[in-house]
Amino acid sequence: MKKDRRNLTGEFKAKVALEALSERKTIAQLAEEYDLQPNQIVTEKSIV
């Protein structure tokens, strides 16, 4: 069965990036919490 791709809103991306910048949790912890790949978090973090 094919899994549909998720469309992440800019608001959600900003929320995750700001949490990554605060460094309260590791990238791995955030990736697990938000069900994202660590590379996605690092990319959004670098944009902010």
N, C-alpha and C. Protein backbone atom coordinates (compact mmCIF):
# COMPACT_ATOMS: atom_id res chain seq x y z
N MET A 1 0.84 -1.18 0.00
CA MET A 1 0.00 0.00 0.00
C MET A 1 0.90 1.25 0.00
N LYS A 2 0.57 2.18 -0.84
CA LYS A 2 1.37 3.40 -0.98
C LYS A 2 0.99 4.40 0.11
N LYS A 3 1.99 4.98 0.72
CA LYS A 3 1.76 5.99 1.76
C LYS A 3 1.77 7.38 1.11
N ASP A 4 0.77 8.18 1.42
CA ASP A 4 0.70 9.53 0.87
C ASP A 4 1.78 10.41 1.48
N ARG A 5 2.28 11.33 0.67
CA ARG A 5 3.28 12.27 1.15
C ARG A 5 2.61 13.33 2.00
N ARG A 6 3.32 13.73 3.05
CA ARG A 6 2.77 14.79 3.91
C ARG A 6 3.18 16.14 3.36
N ASN A 7 2.30 17.10 3.50
CA ASN A 7 2.61 18.49 3.16
C ASN A 7 2.80 19.24 4.46
N LEU A 8 4.03 19.66 4.72
CA LEU A 8 4.33 20.36 5.96
C LEU A 8 4.14 21.86 5.75
N THR A 9 3.42 22.47 6.65
CA THR A 9 3.17 23.91 6.54
C THR A 9 4.41 24.68 6.98
N GLY A 10 4.49 25.90 6.56
CA GLY A 10 5.58 26.77 6.96
C GLY A 10 5.58 27.00 8.47
N GLU A 11 4.39 27.06 9.04
CA GLU A 11 4.27 27.25 10.48
C GLU A 11 4.87 26.06 11.25
N PHE A 12 4.59 24.86 10.77
CA PHE A 12 5.12 23.66 11.41
C PHE A 12 6.64 23.60 11.27
N LYS A 13 7.15 23.92 10.08
CA LYS A 13 8.59 23.90 9.84
C LYS A 13 9.30 24.91 10.74
N ALA A 14 8.70 26.09 10.89
CA ALA A 14 9.29 27.12 11.74
C ALA A 14 9.30 26.68 13.19
N LYS A 15 8.23 26.05 13.63
CA LYS A 15 8.14 25.57 15.00
C LYS A 15 9.25 24.57 15.29
N VAL A 16 9.44 23.61 14.39
CA VAL A 16 10.48 22.59 14.57
C VAL A 16 11.87 23.23 14.52
N ALA A 17 12.08 24.16 13.58
CA ALA A 17 13.39 24.81 13.45
C ALA A 17 13.72 25.62 14.70
N LEU A 18 12.74 26.33 15.25
CA LEU A 18 13.00 27.12 16.46
C LEU A 18 13.30 26.23 17.65
N GLU A 19 12.63 25.08 17.73
CA GLU A 19 12.95 24.13 18.80
C GLU A 19 14.36 23.60 18.63
N ALA A 20 14.76 23.34 17.40
CA ALA A 20 16.11 22.85 17.13
C ALA A 20 17.15 23.91 17.51
N LEU A 21 16.84 25.17 17.25
CA LEU A 21 17.76 26.25 17.60
C LEU A 21 17.88 26.43 19.11
N SER A 22 16.81 26.12 19.84
CA SER A 22 16.86 26.29 21.30
C SER A 22 17.76 25.25 21.96
N GLU A 23 18.02 24.15 21.25
CA GLU A 23 18.92 23.08 21.70
C GLU A 23 18.52 22.47 23.03
N ARG A 24 17.24 22.45 23.34
CA ARG A 24 16.76 21.76 24.54
C ARG A 24 16.71 20.25 24.31
N LYS A 25 16.48 19.87 23.05
CA LYS A 25 16.45 18.46 22.66
C LYS A 25 17.41 18.26 21.50
N THR A 26 17.88 17.04 21.34
CA THR A 26 18.77 16.74 20.23
C THR A 26 17.96 16.64 18.94
N ILE A 27 18.67 16.69 17.82
CA ILE A 27 18.02 16.56 16.52
C ILE A 27 17.32 15.21 16.43
N ALA A 28 17.95 14.17 16.96
CA ALA A 28 17.36 12.83 16.92
C ALA A 28 16.06 12.78 17.73
N GLN A 29 16.03 13.43 18.86
CA GLN A 29 14.83 13.45 19.68
C GLN A 29 13.70 14.20 18.98
N LEU A 30 14.04 15.32 18.36
CA LEU A 30 13.03 16.09 17.62
C LEU A 30 12.51 15.29 16.43
N ALA A 31 13.41 14.60 15.74
CA ALA A 31 13.01 13.80 14.58
C ALA A 31 12.02 12.72 14.99
N GLU A 32 12.27 12.09 16.11
CA GLU A 32 11.36 11.05 16.58
C GLU A 32 10.03 11.64 17.03
N GLU A 33 10.09 12.75 17.73
CA GLU A 33 8.87 13.39 18.24
C GLU A 33 7.94 13.85 17.12
N TYR A 34 8.53 14.43 16.07
CA TYR A 34 7.72 15.00 14.98
C TYR A 34 7.62 14.07 13.77
N ASP A 35 8.20 12.87 13.87
CA ASP A 35 8.17 11.89 12.78
C ASP A 35 8.76 12.47 11.50
N LEU A 36 9.96 13.02 11.62
CA LEU A 36 10.69 13.61 10.50
C LEU A 36 12.06 12.96 10.39
N GLN A 37 12.70 13.14 9.25
CA GLN A 37 14.08 12.73 9.10
C GLN A 37 14.98 13.82 9.70
N PRO A 38 16.07 13.43 10.36
CA PRO A 38 16.97 14.43 10.94
C PRO A 38 17.47 15.45 9.91
N ASN A 39 17.68 15.00 8.67
CA ASN A 39 18.14 15.92 7.62
C ASN A 39 17.14 17.03 7.36
N GLN A 40 15.85 16.73 7.47
CA GLN A 40 14.83 17.76 7.26
C GLN A 40 14.94 18.83 8.34
N ILE A 41 15.20 18.43 9.56
CA ILE A 41 15.30 19.37 10.68
C ILE A 41 16.54 20.25 10.51
N VAL A 42 17.65 19.63 10.14
CA VAL A 42 18.89 20.39 9.94
C VAL A 42 18.72 21.41 8.81
N THR A 43 18.03 21.01 7.74
CA THR A 43 17.79 21.91 6.61
C THR A 43 16.96 23.11 7.04
N GLU A 44 15.88 22.85 7.73
CA GLU A 44 15.01 23.95 8.19
C GLU A 44 15.73 24.83 9.19
N LYS A 45 16.55 24.24 10.02
CA LYS A 45 17.31 24.99 11.02
C LYS A 45 18.27 25.97 10.33
N SER A 46 18.88 25.51 9.26
CA SER A 46 19.84 26.37 8.55
C SER A 46 19.14 27.51 7.81
N ILE A 47 17.89 27.31 7.41
CA ILE A 47 17.14 28.36 6.72
C ILE A 47 16.78 29.49 7.68
N VAL A 48 16.39 29.11 8.90
CA VAL A 48 15.99 30.12 9.90
C VAL A 48 17.24 30.83 10.32
